[in-house]
């Protein structure tokens, strides 16, 4: 006899969630590569690229690279719950990134980052069957 959790895990992942995961992973992976090979693209044209910028670009490369790879790997494995949890974490990162952009007067970036975060939150809720603020979304 199948449990409700096992039945939910066997369901096909919606095409729009697959698209969101792949587009998000592509954007994050692109950001990781750009931070590694050309960190000057991360700052304003008049800002100096020094050792500190390179250190933080390396952190961005590591963070975004791992998240992008894990998103694609969990999608390929059809690991719905794990994918949903990772998508919620990525969404929270994006929302905090948008807050930082607001604080640092990079207004043009905020709408896109917020939309990305909201789509990931909605996708995470669909994958887990519960909104992220309910404990059932996190506990099996």
Protein backbone atom coordinates (compact mmCIF):
# COMPACT_ATOMS: atom_id res chain seq x y z
CA UNK A 1 0.00 0.00 0.00
CA UNK A 2 1.41 3.40 -1.00
CA UNK A 3 1.58 6.24 1.48
CA UNK A 4 0.41 9.73 0.46
CA UNK A 5 4.03 10.91 0.51
CA UNK A 6 5.12 8.10 -1.82
CA UNK A 7 2.23 8.85 -4.18
CA UNK A 8 3.11 12.57 -4.23
CA UNK A 9 6.77 11.73 -4.98
CA UNK A 10 5.73 9.60 -7.97
CA UNK A 11 3.80 12.46 -9.57
CA UNK A 12 5.26 14.15 -12.61
CA UNK A 13 6.81 17.55 -12.00
CA UNK A 14 4.86 20.26 -13.86
CA UNK A 15 6.46 21.67 -16.99
CA UNK A 16 6.45 25.21 -15.58
CA UNK A 17 8.35 24.07 -12.47
CA UNK A 18 10.87 22.27 -14.69
CA UNK A 19 11.23 25.46 -16.74
CA UNK A 20 11.65 27.59 -13.60
CA UNK A 21 14.31 25.24 -12.22
CA UNK A 22 16.24 25.15 -15.49
CA UNK A 23 16.06 28.91 -16.09
CA UNK A 24 17.01 29.64 -12.49
CA UNK A 25 19.90 27.17 -12.61
CA UNK A 26 21.08 28.70 -15.89
CA UNK A 27 20.97 32.23 -14.43
CA UNK A 28 22.75 31.18 -11.26
CA UNK A 29 25.32 29.16 -13.16
CA UNK A 30 25.96 32.07 -15.51
CA UNK A 31 26.45 34.37 -12.51
CA UNK A 32 28.89 31.87 -11.01
CA UNK A 33 30.97 31.69 -14.19
CA UNK A 34 30.95 35.48 -14.66
CA UNK A 35 32.05 36.03 -11.06
CA UNK A 36 34.92 33.63 -11.62
CA UNK A 37 36.21 34.76 -15.02
CA UNK A 38 35.22 38.44 -15.09
CA UNK A 39 34.35 39.86 -11.65
CA UNK A 40 34.32 43.39 -13.08
CA UNK A 41 30.86 42.62 -14.49
CA UNK A 42 29.55 42.41 -10.91
CA UNK A 43 30.28 46.05 -10.06
CA UNK A 44 29.79 49.49 -11.54
CA UNK A 45 32.19 50.50 -14.33
CA UNK A 46 33.94 53.06 -12.10
CA UNK A 47 34.52 50.65 -9.18
CA UNK A 48 38.00 49.25 -8.62
CA UNK A 49 38.55 45.50 -8.81
CA UNK A 50 40.84 44.57 -5.93
CA UNK A 51 41.61 41.55 -3.80
CA UNK A 52 38.48 41.98 -1.66
CA UNK A 53 36.24 42.00 -4.73
CA UNK A 54 37.93 38.86 -6.01
CA UNK A 55 37.41 37.10 -2.65
CA UNK A 56 33.70 37.88 -2.61
CA UNK A 57 33.40 36.98 -6.29
CA UNK A 58 34.87 33.60 -5.36
CA UNK A 59 32.23 33.17 -2.66
CA UNK A 60 29.52 34.07 -5.17
CA UNK A 61 30.97 31.55 -7.61
CA UNK A 62 30.91 28.81 -4.99
CA UNK A 63 27.40 29.64 -3.73
CA UNK A 64 25.71 30.03 -7.09
CA UNK A 65 27.61 27.18 -8.73
CA UNK A 66 26.63 24.66 -6.07
CA UNK A 67 23.01 25.82 -6.02
CA UNK A 68 22.75 25.60 -9.82
CA UNK A 69 24.24 22.10 -9.95
CA UNK A 70 22.07 20.85 -7.08
CA UNK A 71 18.89 22.26 -8.64
CA UNK A 72 19.55 20.40 -11.87
CA UNK A 73 20.64 17.21 -10.07
CA UNK A 74 17.53 17.10 -7.87
CA UNK A 75 15.34 17.78 -10.90
CA UNK A 76 17.01 14.95 -12.81
CA UNK A 77 16.46 12.62 -9.85
CA UNK A 78 12.84 13.78 -9.55
CA UNK A 79 13.49 14.32 -5.83
CA UNK A 80 10.39 16.46 -5.33
CA UNK A 81 10.66 17.19 -1.60
CA UNK A 82 14.39 17.91 -1.69
CA UNK A 83 13.96 20.03 -4.81
CA UNK A 84 11.13 21.96 -3.18
CA UNK A 85 13.19 22.62 -0.06
CA UNK A 86 16.18 23.77 -2.10
CA UNK A 87 13.92 26.01 -4.20
CA UNK A 88 12.57 27.61 -1.00
CA UNK A 89 16.13 28.26 0.19
CA UNK A 90 17.07 29.76 -3.20
CA UNK A 91 13.93 31.92 -3.07
CA UNK A 92 14.88 33.28 0.36
CA UNK A 93 18.40 34.03 -0.91
CA UNK A 94 16.91 35.92 -3.87
CA UNK A 95 14.57 37.91 -1.62
CA UNK A 96 17.48 38.89 0.64
CA UNK A 97 19.51 39.77 -2.46
CA UNK A 98 16.64 42.06 -3.54
CA UNK A 99 16.64 43.72 -0.09
CA UNK A 100 20.38 44.34 -0.41
CA UNK A 101 19.85 45.80 -3.89
CA UNK A 102 17.22 48.15 -2.44
CA UNK A 103 19.56 49.23 0.35
CA UNK A 104 22.37 49.85 -2.14
CA UNK A 105 20.19 51.76 -4.64
CA UNK A 106 20.23 49.16 -7.42
CA UNK A 107 16.50 49.60 -8.05
CA UNK A 108 16.58 48.24 -11.60
CA UNK A 109 17.53 44.73 -10.42
CA UNK A 110 14.87 44.39 -7.72
CA UNK A 111 11.76 43.48 -9.79
CA UNK A 112 13.47 40.63 -11.66
CA UNK A 113 15.05 39.20 -8.53
CA UNK A 114 11.75 39.37 -6.61
CA UNK A 115 9.83 37.68 -9.45
CA UNK A 116 12.46 34.94 -9.55
CA UNK A 117 12.17 34.46 -5.77
CA UNK A 118 8.36 34.41 -5.81
CA UNK A 119 8.22 31.88 -8.64
CA UNK A 120 10.60 29.66 -6.67
CA UNK A 121 8.47 29.99 -3.50
CA UNK A 122 5.32 29.08 -5.42
CA UNK A 123 7.11 26.16 -7.07
CA UNK A 124 8.42 24.94 -3.71
CA UNK A 125 4.89 25.00 -2.29
CA UNK A 126 3.58 23.02 -5.27
CA UNK A 127 6.32 20.41 -4.95
CA UNK A 128 5.84 19.88 -1.22
CA UNK A 129 2.06 20.20 -1.27
CA UNK A 130 2.17 22.88 1.43
CA UNK A 131 3.16 26.56 1.60
CA UNK A 132 6.63 27.10 3.04
CA UNK A 133 5.34 28.65 6.26
CA UNK A 134 3.61 25.40 7.30
CA UNK A 135 5.74 22.85 9.13
CA UNK A 136 4.44 20.08 6.83
CA UNK A 137 6.48 21.60 3.99
CA UNK A 138 9.69 20.88 5.91
CA UNK A 139 8.92 17.80 7.96
CA UNK A 140 8.13 14.41 6.49
